[in-house]
Structures are given as structure tokens and as C-alpha cells.
PDB file of all heavy atoms in Angstrom:
ATOM      1  N   ARG A   1    -111.709 -17.610  42.124  1.00  0.00           N
ATOM      2  CA  ARG A   1    -112.728 -17.093  41.203  1.00  0.00           C
ATOM      3  C   ARG A   1    -112.940 -15.589  41.421  1.00  0.00           C
ATOM      4  O   ARG A   1    -113.038 -14.823  40.471  1.00  0.00           O
ATOM      5  CB  ARG A   1    -114.058 -17.828  41.394  1.00  0.00           C
ATOM      6  CG  ARG A   1    -114.055 -19.235  40.870  1.00  0.00           C
ATOM      7  CD  ARG A   1    -115.415 -19.911  41.106  1.00  0.00           C
ATOM      8  NE  ARG A   1    -115.346 -21.338  41.020  1.00  0.00           N
ATOM      9  CZ  ARG A   1    -115.364 -22.024  39.882  1.00  0.00           C
ATOM     10  NH1 ARG A   1    -115.445 -21.397  38.746  1.00  0.00           N
ATOM     11  NH2 ARG A   1    -115.289 -23.336  39.902  1.00  0.00           N
ATOM     12  N   LEU A   2    -112.995 -15.187  42.693  1.00  0.00           N
ATOM     13  CA  LEU A   2    -113.168 -13.759  42.998  1.00  0.00           C
ATOM     14  C   LEU A   2    -111.990 -12.938  42.504  1.00  0.00           C
ATOM     15  O   LEU A   2    -112.169 -11.860  41.924  1.00  0.00           O
ATOM     16  CB  LEU A   2    -113.352 -13.551  44.510  1.00  0.00           C
ATOM     17  CG  LEU A   2    -114.692 -13.990  45.092  1.00  0.00           C
ATOM     18  CD1 LEU A   2    -114.672 -13.893  46.610  1.00  0.00           C
ATOM     19  CD2 LEU A   2    -115.815 -13.142  44.515  1.00  0.00           C
ATOM     20  N   SER A   3    -110.778 -13.443  42.715  1.00  0.00           N
ATOM     21  CA  SER A   3    -109.603 -12.684  42.289  1.00  0.00           C
ATOM     22  C   SER A   3    -109.521 -12.629  40.758  1.00  0.00           C
ATOM     23  O   SER A   3    -109.133 -11.601  40.196  1.00  0.00           O
ATOM     24  CB  SER A   3    -108.317 -13.241  42.888  1.00  0.00           C
ATOM     25  OG  SER A   3    -108.017 -14.499  42.370  1.00  0.00           O
ATOM     26  N   LEU A   4    -109.915 -13.695  40.069  1.00  0.00           N
ATOM     27  CA  LEU A   4    -109.922 -13.673  38.601  1.00  0.00           C
ATOM     28  C   LEU A   4    -110.958 -12.685  38.071  1.00  0.00           C
ATOM     29  O   LEU A   4    -110.711 -11.978  37.090  1.00  0.00           O
ATOM     30  CB  LEU A   4    -110.193 -15.075  38.044  1.00  0.00           C
ATOM     31  CG  LEU A   4    -109.057 -16.075  38.176  1.00  0.00           C
ATOM     32  CD1 LEU A   4    -109.517 -17.457  37.720  1.00  0.00           C
ATOM     33  CD2 LEU A   4    -107.843 -15.639  37.384  1.00  0.00           C
ATOM     34  N   ALA A   5    -112.127 -12.630  38.719  1.00  0.00           N
ATOM     35  CA  ALA A   5    -113.159 -11.675  38.306  1.00  0.00           C
ATOM     36  C   ALA A   5    -112.644 -10.243  38.499  1.00  0.00           C
ATOM     37  O   ALA A   5    -112.880  -9.371  37.656  1.00  0.00           O
ATOM     38  CB  ALA A   5    -114.436 -11.889  39.104  1.00  0.00           C
ATOM     39  N   LYS A   6    -111.922 -10.024  39.584  1.00  0.00           N
ATOM     40  CA  LYS A   6    -111.343  -8.700  39.855  1.00  0.00           C
ATOM     41  C   LYS A   6    -110.314  -8.333  38.781  1.00  0.00           C
ATOM     42  O   LYS A   6    -110.301  -7.203  38.283  1.00  0.00           O
ATOM     43  CB  LYS A   6    -110.697  -8.697  41.243  1.00  0.00           C
ATOM     44  CG  LYS A   6    -110.162  -7.360  41.667  1.00  0.00           C
ATOM     45  CD  LYS A   6    -109.582  -7.442  43.067  1.00  0.00           C
ATOM     46  CE  LYS A   6    -108.915  -6.133  43.435  1.00  0.00           C
ATOM     47  NZ  LYS A   6    -108.209  -6.199  44.701  1.00  0.00           N
ATOM     48  N   VAL A   7    -109.466  -9.276  38.406  1.00  0.00           N
ATOM     49  CA  VAL A   7    -108.468  -9.043  37.361  1.00  0.00           C
ATOM     50  C   VAL A   7    -109.162  -8.714  36.041  1.00  0.00           C
ATOM     51  O   VAL A   7    -108.745  -7.799  35.320  1.00  0.00           O
ATOM     52  CB  VAL A   7    -107.542 -10.273  37.203  1.00  0.00           C
ATOM     53  CG1 VAL A   7    -106.692 -10.167  35.951  1.00  0.00           C
ATOM     54  CG2 VAL A   7    -106.655 -10.422  38.422  1.00  0.00           C
ATOM     55  N   ALA A   8    -110.231  -9.452  35.725  1.00  0.00           N
ATOM     56  CA  ALA A   8    -110.973  -9.199  34.487  1.00  0.00           C
ATOM     57  C   ALA A   8    -111.533  -7.777  34.484  1.00  0.00           C
ATOM     58  O   ALA A   8    -111.446  -7.063  33.473  1.00  0.00           O
ATOM     59  CB  ALA A   8    -112.104 -10.219  34.325  1.00  0.00           C
ATOM     60  N   LYS A   9    -112.085  -7.335  35.615  1.00  0.00           N
ATOM     61  CA  LYS A   9    -112.612  -5.963  35.706  1.00  0.00           C
ATOM     62  C   LYS A   9    -111.507  -4.937  35.522  1.00  0.00           C
ATOM     63  O   LYS A   9    -111.706  -3.909  34.860  1.00  0.00           O
ATOM     64  CB  LYS A   9    -113.309  -5.754  37.056  1.00  0.00           C
ATOM     65  CG  LYS A   9    -114.640  -6.453  37.147  1.00  0.00           C
ATOM     66  CD  LYS A   9    -115.264  -6.292  38.514  1.00  0.00           C
ATOM     67  CE  LYS A   9    -116.548  -7.102  38.571  1.00  0.00           C
ATOM     68  NZ  LYS A   9    -116.997  -7.374  39.896  1.00  0.00           N
ATOM     69  N   GLU A  10    -110.326  -5.213  36.101  1.00  0.00           N
ATOM     70  CA  GLU A  10    -109.195  -4.291  35.948  1.00  0.00           C
ATOM     71  C   GLU A  10    -108.770  -4.178  34.488  1.00  0.00           C
ATOM     72  O   GLU A  10    -108.481  -3.083  34.007  1.00  0.00           O
ATOM     73  CB  GLU A  10    -108.004  -4.752  36.799  1.00  0.00           C
ATOM     74  CG  GLU A  10    -108.211  -4.558  38.284  1.00  0.00           C
ATOM     75  CD  GLU A  10    -107.140  -5.233  39.131  1.00  0.00           C
ATOM     76  OE1 GLU A  10    -106.181  -5.827  38.569  1.00  0.00           O
ATOM     77  OE2 GLU A  10    -107.263  -5.186  40.366  1.00  0.00           O
ATOM     78  N   LYS A  11    -108.733  -5.312  33.781  1.00  0.00           N
ATOM     79  CA  LYS A  11    -108.352  -5.308  32.362  1.00  0.00           C
ATOM     80  C   LYS A  11    -109.335  -4.476  31.548  1.00  0.00           C
ATOM     81  O   LYS A  11    -108.942  -3.698  30.681  1.00  0.00           O
ATOM     82  CB  LYS A  11    -108.304  -6.732  31.808  1.00  0.00           C
ATOM     83  CG  LYS A  11    -107.317  -7.636  32.476  1.00  0.00           C
ATOM     84  CD  LYS A  11    -105.920  -7.360  32.054  1.00  0.00           C
ATOM     85  CE  LYS A  11    -104.976  -8.392  32.642  1.00  0.00           C
ATOM     86  NZ  LYS A  11    -103.597  -7.992  32.528  1.00  0.00           N
ATOM     87  N   ILE A  12    -110.632  -4.628  31.843  1.00  0.00           N
ATOM     88  CA  ILE A  12    -111.648  -3.864  31.119  1.00  0.00           C
ATOM     89  C   ILE A  12    -111.515  -2.374  31.460  1.00  0.00           C
ATOM     90  O   ILE A  12    -111.632  -1.519  30.590  1.00  0.00           O
ATOM     91  CB  ILE A  12    -113.065  -4.394  31.428  1.00  0.00           C
ATOM     92  CG1 ILE A  12    -113.258  -5.772  30.802  1.00  0.00           C
ATOM     93  CG2 ILE A  12    -114.142  -3.425  30.959  1.00  0.00           C
ATOM     94  CD1 ILE A  12    -113.178  -5.806  29.280  1.00  0.00           C
ATOM     95  N   GLU A  13    -111.245  -2.069  32.712  1.00  0.00           N
ATOM     96  CA  GLU A  13    -111.088  -0.658  33.107  1.00  0.00           C
ATOM     97  C   GLU A  13    -109.884  -0.026  32.413  1.00  0.00           C
ATOM     98  O   GLU A  13    -109.941   1.130  32.001  1.00  0.00           O
ATOM     99  CB  GLU A  13    -110.981  -0.532  34.630  1.00  0.00           C
ATOM    100  CG  GLU A  13    -111.165   0.871  35.145  1.00  0.00           C
ATOM    101  CD  GLU A  13    -112.418   1.583  34.606  1.00  0.00           C
ATOM    102  OE1 GLU A  13    -113.511   0.996  34.604  1.00  0.00           O
ATOM    103  OE2 GLU A  13    -112.288   2.750  34.161  1.00  0.00           O
ATOM    104  N   GLU A  14    -108.796  -0.788  32.266  1.00  0.00           N
ATOM    105  CA  GLU A  14    -107.634  -0.287  31.521  1.00  0.00           C
ATOM    106  C   GLU A  14    -108.035   0.048  30.084  1.00  0.00           C
ATOM    107  O   GLU A  14    -107.622   1.068  29.539  1.00  0.00           O
ATOM    108  CB  GLU A  14    -106.521  -1.337  31.490  1.00  0.00           C
ATOM    109  CG  GLU A  14    -105.778  -1.515  32.777  1.00  0.00           C
ATOM    110  CD  GLU A  14    -104.829  -2.722  32.737  1.00  0.00           C
ATOM    111  OE1 GLU A  14    -104.473  -3.201  31.636  1.00  0.00           O
ATOM    112  OE2 GLU A  14    -104.446  -3.179  33.825  1.00  0.00           O
ATOM    113  N   SER A  15    -108.838  -0.819  29.488  1.00  0.00           N
ATOM    114  CA  SER A  15    -109.291  -0.593  28.113  1.00  0.00           C
ATOM    115  C   SER A  15    -110.199   0.633  28.037  1.00  0.00           C
ATOM    116  O   SER A  15    -110.114   1.423  27.095  1.00  0.00           O
ATOM    117  CB  SER A  15    -110.018  -1.822  27.575  1.00  0.00           C
ATOM    118  OG  SER A  15    -109.122  -2.899  27.490  1.00  0.00           O
ATOM    119  N   ARG A  16    -111.061   0.803  29.029  1.00  0.00           N
ATOM    120  CA  ARG A  16    -111.927   1.986  29.053  1.00  0.00           C
ATOM    121  C   ARG A  16    -111.084   3.260  29.154  1.00  0.00           C
ATOM    122  O   ARG A  16    -111.393   4.274  28.531  1.00  0.00           O
ATOM    123  CB  ARG A  16    -112.893   1.924  30.230  1.00  0.00           C
ATOM    124  CG  ARG A  16    -114.009   0.923  30.075  1.00  0.00           C
ATOM    125  CD  ARG A  16    -114.984   1.041  31.252  1.00  0.00           C
ATOM    126  NE  ARG A  16    -115.759  -0.142  31.463  1.00  0.00           N
ATOM    127  CZ  ARG A  16    -116.868  -0.447  30.787  1.00  0.00           C
ATOM    128  NH1 ARG A  16    -117.314   0.354  29.856  1.00  0.00           N
ATOM    129  NH2 ARG A  16    -117.523  -1.569  31.068  1.00  0.00           N
ATOM    130  N   THR A  17    -110.005   3.207  29.950  1.00  0.00           N
ATOM    131  CA  THR A  17    -109.128   4.360  30.099  1.00  0.00           C
ATOM    132  C   THR A  17    -108.462   4.692  28.767  1.00  0.00           C
ATOM    133  O   THR A  17    -108.376   5.867  28.390  1.00  0.00           O
ATOM    134  CB  THR A  17    -108.057   4.080  31.181  1.00  0.00           C
ATOM    135  OG1 THR A  17    -108.735   3.771  32.406  1.00  0.00           O
ATOM    136  CG2 THR A  17    -107.151   5.261  31.389  1.00  0.00           C
ATOM    137  N   ARG A  18    -108.009   3.670  28.052  1.00  0.00           N
ATOM    138  CA  ARG A  18    -107.406   3.891  26.735  1.00  0.00           C
ATOM    139  C   ARG A  18    -108.428   4.530  25.787  1.00  0.00           C
ATOM    140  O   ARG A  18    -108.093   5.420  25.005  1.00  0.00           O
ATOM    141  CB  ARG A  18    -106.924   2.575  26.148  1.00  0.00           C
ATOM    142  CG  ARG A  18    -105.733   2.000  26.881  1.00  0.00           C
ATOM    143  CD  ARG A  18    -105.398   0.621  26.428  1.00  0.00           C
ATOM    144  NE  ARG A  18    -104.721   0.629  25.144  1.00  0.00           N
ATOM    145  CZ  ARG A  18    -104.269  -0.460  24.550  1.00  0.00           C
ATOM    146  NH1 ARG A  18    -104.433  -1.631  25.120  1.00  0.00           N
ATOM    147  NH2 ARG A  18    -103.658  -0.383  23.394  1.00  0.00           N
ATOM    148  N   LEU A  19    -109.659   4.052  25.865  1.00  0.00           N
ATOM    149  CA  LEU A  19    -110.721   4.586  25.011  1.00  0.00           C
ATOM    150  C   LEU A  19    -111.009   6.045  25.358  1.00  0.00           C
ATOM    151  O   LEU A  19    -111.159   6.884  24.463  1.00  0.00           O
ATOM    152  CB  LEU A  19    -111.988   3.735  25.155  1.00  0.00           C
ATOM    153  CG  LEU A  19    -113.172   4.124  24.294  1.00  0.00           C
ATOM    154  CD1 LEU A  19    -112.835   3.962  22.815  1.00  0.00           C
ATOM    155  CD2 LEU A  19    -114.376   3.273  24.640  1.00  0.00           C
ATOM    156  N   ARG A  20    -111.074   6.364  26.659  1.00  0.00           N
ATOM    157  CA  ARG A  20    -111.312   7.756  27.077  1.00  0.00           C
ATOM    158  C   ARG A  20    -110.204   8.670  26.579  1.00  0.00           C
ATOM    159  O   ARG A  20    -110.454   9.788  26.132  1.00  0.00           O
ATOM    160  CB  ARG A  20    -111.429   7.855  28.598  1.00  0.00           C
ATOM    161  CG  ARG A  20    -112.786   7.458  29.137  1.00  0.00           C
ATOM    162  CD  ARG A  20    -112.955   7.850  30.595  1.00  0.00           C
ATOM    163  NE  ARG A  20    -112.071   7.127  31.491  1.00  0.00           N
ATOM    164  CZ  ARG A  20    -112.354   5.962  32.052  1.00  0.00           C
ATOM    165  NH1 ARG A  20    -113.517   5.375  31.809  1.00  0.00           N
ATOM    166  NH2 ARG A  20    -111.498   5.378  32.856  1.00  0.00           N
ATOM    167  N   SER A  21    -108.980   8.191  26.647  1.00  0.00           N
ATOM    168  CA  SER A  21    -107.840   8.975  26.174  1.00  0.00           C
ATOM    169  C   SER A  21    -107.974   9.275  24.679  1.00  0.00           C
ATOM    170  O   SER A  21    -107.776  10.417  24.239  1.00  0.00           O
ATOM    171  CB  SER A  21    -106.549   8.211  26.456  1.00  0.00           C
ATOM    172  OG  SER A  21    -105.464   8.840  25.870  1.00  0.00           O
ATOM    173  N   ALA A  22    -108.328   8.263  23.906  1.00  0.00           N
ATOM    174  CA  ALA A  22    -108.519   8.454  22.462  1.00  0.00           C
ATOM    175  C   ALA A  22    -109.681   9.411  22.200  1.00  0.00           C
ATOM    176  O   ALA A  22    -109.600  10.285  21.320  1.00  0.00           O
ATOM    177  CB  ALA A  22    -108.780   7.107  21.787  1.00  0.00           C
ATOM    178  N   ARG A  23    -110.751   9.276  22.991  1.00  0.00           N
ATOM    179  CA  ARG A  23    -111.908  10.174  22.836  1.00  0.00           C
ATOM    180  C   ARG A  23    -111.506  11.621  23.106  1.00  0.00           C
ATOM    181  O   ARG A  23    -111.879  12.536  22.378  1.00  0.00           O
ATOM    182  CB  ARG A  23    -113.028   9.762  23.788  1.00  0.00           C
ATOM    183  CG  ARG A  23    -114.263  10.660  23.682  1.00  0.00           C
ATOM    184  CD  ARG A  23    -115.187  10.513  24.845  1.00  0.00           C
ATOM    185  NE  ARG A  23    -114.497  10.886  26.073  1.00  0.00           N
ATOM    186  CZ  ARG A  23    -114.924  10.578  27.285  1.00  0.00           C
ATOM    187  NH1 ARG A  23    -116.027   9.871  27.444  1.00  0.00           N
ATOM    188  NH2 ARG A  23    -114.271  10.974  28.347  1.00  0.00           N
ATOM    189  N   ASP A  24    -110.710  11.830  24.163  1.00  0.00           N
ATOM    190  CA  ASP A  24    -110.275  13.185  24.502  1.00  0.00           C
ATOM    191  C   ASP A  24    -109.425  13.807  23.393  1.00  0.00           C
ATOM    192  O   ASP A  24    -109.545  14.997  23.099  1.00  0.00           O
ATOM    193  CB  ASP A  24    -109.501  13.186  25.830  1.00  0.00           C
ATOM    194  CG  ASP A  24    -110.395  12.849  27.017  1.00  0.00           C
ATOM    195  OD1 ASP A  24    -111.637  12.886  26.868  1.00  0.00           O
ATOM    196  OD2 ASP A  24    -109.838  12.535  28.094  1.00  0.00           O
TER     197      ASP A  24
END
């Protein structure tokens, strides 16, 4: 459960990075 939660956070962070790139 902990490792899945960590993976979920990583996926969201990847999406945030894509969003920041588009914003820039």
C-alpha cells in the first residue's frame, strides 16, 4: 500500500512537471 501510494504521488508529480513546462 505504501509503495503504491508512492507510485501514485510520482505519477502526479510527473503530470505537474508537464503542466509547469506548458506554463513556461
